């Protein structure tokens, strides 16, 4: 049977359209989300953190053993408990956390991380959590006590050296809110504090609760009243893109802790631990 040229063209067009309707882009192929079941089968949850951020995550000697503690760690323990698995912690530099997450070396990042628009393009986040939701209470400028009459406004820090944690929110704040700041990048908070004390930088930017901890144990340091705007409220837990079941499970735990008052209890307990350590 011969097919007329007109019908042949119609058939060819239909085949072409049908073929084009199937995406050849692998990124558009829906991948089964087994992020939660994989952890349950393994029997342990692996979190990434940067344990130099008391009272969130920090090192403490317990029964002669160096142990990572803090309220983020206690929250992670609750998340693991709700999953029915054990918790394992990987301590690394802050700037290495998201690369480790996307390389699947860790299941989530629990490290006082703010879900900025830039980070949200690379990873997913849980709901935000913490005691304070004041947008201007999140980040503080810390200086030497002897300089408190010298640095009284954001303008007074123009052209000054600012210490920030590399890849942290503080880097963005320094660049956008302090005119012509000479930014000094460091990976660890204790190194930033030491540089400030030694006069290598004029000021450092820290999260409010972390700033209070260091100032409480260093009377030669001072938290200024200079306002710094933090566009995104609160901190969250980061996940590899597409791990929606893991995000959902984590949000469930966070919501429980916030609704029954356990979140405040956990945070206040760790704040007290740090306060007692500073007073020793």
Protein backbone atom coordinates (compact mmCIF):
# COMPACT_ATOMS: atom_id res chain seq x y z
CA UNK A 1 0.00 0.00 0.00
CA UNK A 2 1.37 3.37 -0.99
CA UNK A 3 1.10 6.35 1.40
CA UNK A 4 0.38 9.68 -0.25
CA UNK A 5 3.02 12.39 0.21
CA UNK A 6 0.53 14.50 2.20
CA UNK A 7 -0.24 11.71 4.70
CA UNK A 8 3.48 10.87 4.95
CA UNK A 9 4.25 14.47 5.95
CA UNK A 10 1.49 14.37 8.62
CA UNK A 11 2.90 11.11 10.04
CA UNK A 12 6.45 12.46 10.05
CA UNK A 13 5.29 15.61 11.85
CA UNK A 14 3.40 13.58 14.48
CA UNK A 15 6.44 11.35 15.15
CA UNK A 16 8.69 14.40 15.46
CA UNK A 17 6.32 16.16 17.89
CA UNK A 18 5.95 12.99 19.99
CA UNK A 19 9.71 12.60 20.19
CA UNK A 20 10.21 16.23 21.19
CA UNK A 21 7.64 15.91 23.96
CA UNK A 22 10.01 13.65 25.85
CA UNK A 23 12.64 15.68 27.73
CA UNK A 24 16.21 14.79 26.93
CA UNK A 25 17.49 17.01 29.76
CA UNK A 26 18.48 14.74 32.70
CA UNK A 27 17.90 17.62 35.11
CA UNK A 28 14.24 17.56 34.17
CA UNK A 29 13.90 13.87 34.92
CA UNK A 30 12.22 13.39 38.27
CA UNK A 31 14.48 11.49 40.62
CA UNK A 32 12.99 9.38 43.36
CA UNK A 33 13.58 11.01 46.75
CA UNK A 34 15.01 8.37 49.08
CA UNK A 35 16.86 10.84 51.32
CA UNK A 36 15.01 9.82 54.46
CA UNK A 37 14.79 6.06 53.83
CA UNK A 38 18.51 5.94 53.04
CA UNK A 39 19.33 7.37 56.48
CA UNK A 40 16.96 4.99 58.24
CA UNK A 41 18.45 2.00 56.43
CA UNK A 42 21.96 3.16 57.30
CA UNK A 43 21.00 3.62 60.94
CA UNK A 44 22.63 7.00 61.50
CA UNK A 45 22.22 10.64 60.48
CA UNK A 46 25.38 12.50 59.46
CA UNK A 47 25.43 16.24 60.06
CA UNK A 48 28.07 18.74 59.05
CA UNK A 49 28.95 21.59 61.40
CA UNK A 50 31.69 24.07 62.23
CA UNK A 51 32.13 23.71 65.97
CA UNK A 52 33.53 27.12 66.89
CA UNK A 53 30.21 28.88 67.35
CA UNK A 54 29.23 28.69 71.02
CA UNK A 55 26.54 28.36 72.24
CA UNK A 56 25.36 26.77 68.98
CA UNK A 57 28.17 24.27 68.41
CA UNK A 58 31.47 24.09 70.25
CA UNK A 59 34.03 21.72 71.75
CA UNK A 60 33.87 20.77 75.41
CA UNK A 61 35.72 18.15 77.45
CA UNK A 62 33.24 15.72 79.01
CA UNK A 63 34.57 12.83 81.12
CA UNK A 64 38.02 13.47 79.70
CA UNK A 65 36.84 13.30 76.09
CA UNK A 66 36.65 16.14 73.58
CA UNK A 67 32.96 16.40 72.66
CA UNK A 68 31.01 18.63 70.29
CA UNK A 69 28.06 20.17 72.13
CA UNK A 70 25.71 23.16 71.77
CA UNK A 71 22.08 23.84 71.12
CA UNK A 72 22.30 23.07 67.39
CA UNK A 73 23.76 19.69 68.36
CA UNK A 74 20.94 19.05 70.85
CA UNK A 75 18.44 19.91 68.12
CA UNK A 76 20.20 17.52 65.73
CA UNK A 77 19.93 14.80 68.38
CA UNK A 78 16.17 15.38 68.53
CA UNK A 79 15.94 15.14 64.73
CA UNK A 80 17.87 11.85 64.77
CA UNK A 81 15.73 10.53 67.62
CA UNK A 82 12.53 11.25 65.70
CA UNK A 83 14.00 9.32 62.75
CA UNK A 84 14.92 6.42 65.01
CA UNK A 85 18.64 6.61 64.18
CA UNK A 86 21.92 7.61 65.82
CA UNK A 87 23.65 10.95 65.25
CA UNK A 88 27.13 11.31 63.75
CA UNK A 89 28.90 14.68 63.52
CA UNK A 90 31.49 15.87 61.00
CA UNK A 91 33.35 19.01 62.08
CA UNK A 92 34.85 21.12 59.30
CA UNK A 93 35.46 24.70 58.20
CA UNK A 94 32.33 26.76 57.61
CA UNK A 95 33.19 27.40 53.97
CA UNK A 96 33.48 23.65 53.36
CA UNK A 97 30.02 22.77 54.65
CA UNK A 98 27.86 23.32 51.57
CA UNK A 99 30.36 21.65 49.20
CA UNK A 100 30.38 18.64 51.56
CA UNK A 101 26.57 18.64 51.55
CA UNK A 102 26.28 18.70 47.77
CA UNK A 103 28.94 15.99 47.51
CA UNK A 104 26.76 13.89 49.88
CA UNK A 105 29.48 13.60 52.51
CA UNK A 106 26.88 14.78 55.03
CA UNK A 107 23.08 14.54 55.10
CA UNK A 108 22.45 18.05 56.40
CA UNK A 109 24.28 21.12 57.65
CA UNK A 110 23.50 22.29 61.18
CA UNK A 111 25.75 25.28 61.81
CA UNK A 112 23.84 28.48 62.51
CA UNK A 113 23.43 29.02 58.78
CA UNK A 114 21.17 31.79 57.49
CA UNK A 115 19.10 30.90 54.38
CA UNK A 116 20.18 33.80 52.19
CA UNK A 117 18.87 34.09 48.61
CA UNK A 118 22.29 33.02 47.29
CA UNK A 119 22.36 29.89 49.44
CA UNK A 120 18.76 29.05 48.54
CA UNK A 121 19.84 28.80 44.91
CA UNK A 122 22.34 26.09 45.85
CA UNK A 123 20.59 24.12 48.61
CA UNK A 124 17.24 23.69 50.35
CA UNK A 125 16.54 24.85 53.90
CA UNK A 126 14.32 23.90 56.81
CA UNK A 127 12.08 26.41 58.50
CA UNK A 128 14.06 28.91 60.54
CA UNK A 129 14.35 28.52 64.32
CA UNK A 130 15.72 30.22 67.44
CA UNK A 131 14.50 32.46 70.24
CA UNK A 132 14.88 35.85 68.54
CA UNK A 133 13.26 36.88 65.27
CA UNK A 134 14.26 40.56 65.44
CA UNK A 135 15.77 41.31 62.02
CA UNK A 136 18.27 43.78 63.51
CA UNK A 137 19.34 41.57 66.42
CA UNK A 138 21.00 38.92 64.34
CA UNK A 139 24.51 40.31 63.73
CA UNK A 140 26.75 42.50 65.90
CA UNK A 141 29.93 44.51 65.44
CA UNK A 142 32.52 43.67 68.08
CA UNK A 143 35.43 46.01 68.79
CA UNK A 144 38.04 46.48 71.50
CA UNK A 145 36.63 48.10 74.63
CA UNK A 146 39.17 50.92 74.45
CA UNK A 147 37.75 51.88 71.02
CA UNK A 148 34.09 52.17 72.06
CA UNK A 149 34.15 55.98 71.81
CA UNK A 150 35.95 55.79 68.48
CA UNK A 151 33.53 53.52 66.62
CA UNK A 152 30.00 54.78 67.25
CA UNK A 153 28.42 54.60 63.79
CA UNK A 154 28.65 52.62 60.59
CA UNK A 155 30.35 55.62 59.00
CA UNK A 156 33.13 55.56 61.62
CA UNK A 157 34.20 52.16 60.23
CA UNK A 158 34.77 53.46 56.70
CA UNK A 159 38.11 52.22 55.34
CA UNK A 160 38.67 50.10 58.49
CA UNK A 161 39.74 46.46 58.64
CA UNK A 162 36.83 44.11 59.34
CA UNK A 163 37.28 40.45 60.24
CA UNK A 164 34.62 38.09 58.88
CA UNK A 165 34.17 34.35 58.57
CA UNK A 166 34.73 33.31 54.97
CA UNK A 167 31.52 32.32 53.16
CA UNK A 168 29.45 33.51 56.11
CA UNK A 169 26.59 36.03 56.15
CA UNK A 170 28.95 38.49 57.84
CA UNK A 171 30.98 38.74 54.62
CA UNK A 172 27.92 40.01 52.74
CA UNK A 173 27.07 42.49 55.50
CA UNK A 174 30.61 43.90 55.55
CA UNK A 175 30.61 44.36 51.77
CA UNK A 176 27.15 45.92 51.52
CA UNK A 177 26.88 48.00 54.70
CA UNK A 178 30.39 49.26 55.53
CA UNK A 179 31.82 51.73 53.04
CA UNK A 180 35.16 50.68 51.52
CA UNK A 181 35.74 48.06 54.21
CA UNK A 182 39.06 46.25 54.10
CA UNK A 183 37.79 42.72 54.65
CA UNK A 184 40.01 40.16 56.35
CA UNK A 185 38.79 36.59 55.73
CA UNK A 186 39.27 33.89 58.37
CA UNK A 187 37.79 30.39 58.63
CA UNK A 188 37.52 30.09 62.42
CA UNK A 189 35.80 32.43 64.90
CA UNK A 190 38.53 32.11 67.60
CA UNK A 191 41.08 33.32 65.04
CA UNK A 192 38.90 36.34 64.28
CA UNK A 193 38.66 37.17 67.98
CA UNK A 194 42.43 36.81 68.43
CA UNK A 195 43.12 39.09 65.46
CA UNK A 196 40.84 41.72 67.00
CA UNK A 197 42.55 41.48 70.38
CA UNK A 198 45.97 41.77 68.71
CA UNK A 199 44.93 44.79 66.64
CA UNK A 200 45.19 43.06 63.26
CA UNK A 201 41.58 44.11 62.54
CA UNK A 202 39.54 47.04 63.83
CA UNK A 203 36.27 45.15 64.27
CA UNK A 204 34.66 41.77 63.64
CA UNK A 205 31.10 40.79 62.81
CA UNK A 206 29.50 37.94 64.75
CA UNK A 207 26.02 36.52 65.30
CA UNK A 208 24.48 38.13 68.38
CA UNK A 209 24.56 35.07 70.66
CA UNK A 210 28.11 34.21 69.63
CA UNK A 211 29.25 37.81 70.15
CA UNK A 212 27.82 37.82 73.68
CA UNK A 213 29.71 34.64 74.50
CA UNK A 214 33.10 36.00 73.44
CA UNK A 215 32.57 39.41 75.05
CA UNK A 216 31.52 37.79 78.34
CA UNK A 217 34.84 35.99 78.62
CA UNK A 218 36.95 38.84 77.17
CA UNK A 219 36.44 42.12 79.08
CA UNK A 220 38.70 43.88 76.60
CA UNK A 221 36.05 43.33 73.90
CA UNK A 222 32.85 45.32 73.41
CA UNK A 223 29.60 44.86 71.44
CA UNK A 224 28.64 48.10 69.70
CA UNK A 225 25.14 49.46 69.23
CA UNK A 226 25.84 50.06 65.55
CA UNK A 227 22.86 48.56 63.66
CA UNK A 228 23.49 45.90 61.03
CA UNK A 229 20.58 44.81 58.88
CA UNK A 230 20.02 41.11 58.36
CA UNK A 231 17.50 40.69 55.56
CA UNK A 232 16.74 37.05 56.33
CA UNK A 233 15.37 36.21 59.77
CA UNK A 234 16.64 33.30 61.81
CA UNK A 235 18.86 30.36 60.95
CA UNK A 236 17.97 27.07 59.34
CA UNK A 237 19.26 23.62 58.48
CA UNK A 238 20.58 23.08 54.95
CA UNK A 239 19.89 20.08 52.69
CA UNK A 240 20.91 18.98 49.22
CA UNK A 241 18.40 20.12 46.60
CA UNK A 242 15.56 17.66 46.12
CA UNK A 243 15.76 15.96 49.55
CA UNK A 244 12.20 17.00 50.30
CA UNK A 245 11.35 14.02 52.53
CA UNK A 246 14.33 14.81 54.77
CA UNK A 247 13.33 18.49 54.90
CA UNK A 248 9.76 17.52 55.82
CA UNK A 249 10.91 15.18 58.60
CA UNK A 250 13.27 17.83 60.01
CA UNK A 251 10.61 20.54 59.91
CA UNK A 252 8.32 18.25 61.88
CA UNK A 253 10.90 18.01 64.67
CA UNK A 254 11.61 21.74 64.65
CA UNK A 255 7.91 22.55 64.82
CA UNK A 256 7.49 20.19 67.78
CA UNK A 257 10.42 21.74 69.65
CA UNK A 258 9.11 25.26 69.08
CA UNK A 259 5.49 24.51 69.86
CA UNK A 260 6.07 22.74 73.19
CA UNK A 261 8.71 25.17 74.49
CA UNK A 262 11.59 22.70 74.18
CA UNK A 263 13.48 24.98 71.77
CA UNK A 264 13.85 27.76 74.35
CA UNK A 265 14.80 25.22 77.02
CA UNK A 266 17.53 23.73 74.80
CA UNK A 267 18.93 27.14 73.88
CA UNK A 268 18.88 28.47 77.44
CA UNK A 269 20.56 25.31 78.77
CA UNK A 270 23.48 25.73 76.39
CA UNK A 271 23.72 29.46 77.03
CA UNK A 272 24.06 28.62 80.74
CA UNK A 273 26.78 26.03 80.00
CA UNK A 274 28.78 28.64 78.09
CA UNK A 275 28.22 31.25 80.80
CA UNK A 276 29.49 28.82 83.47
CA UNK A 277 32.54 27.96 81.34
CA UNK A 278 33.34 31.66 80.91
CA UNK A 279 33.12 32.24 84.66
CA UNK A 280 35.57 29.47 85.57
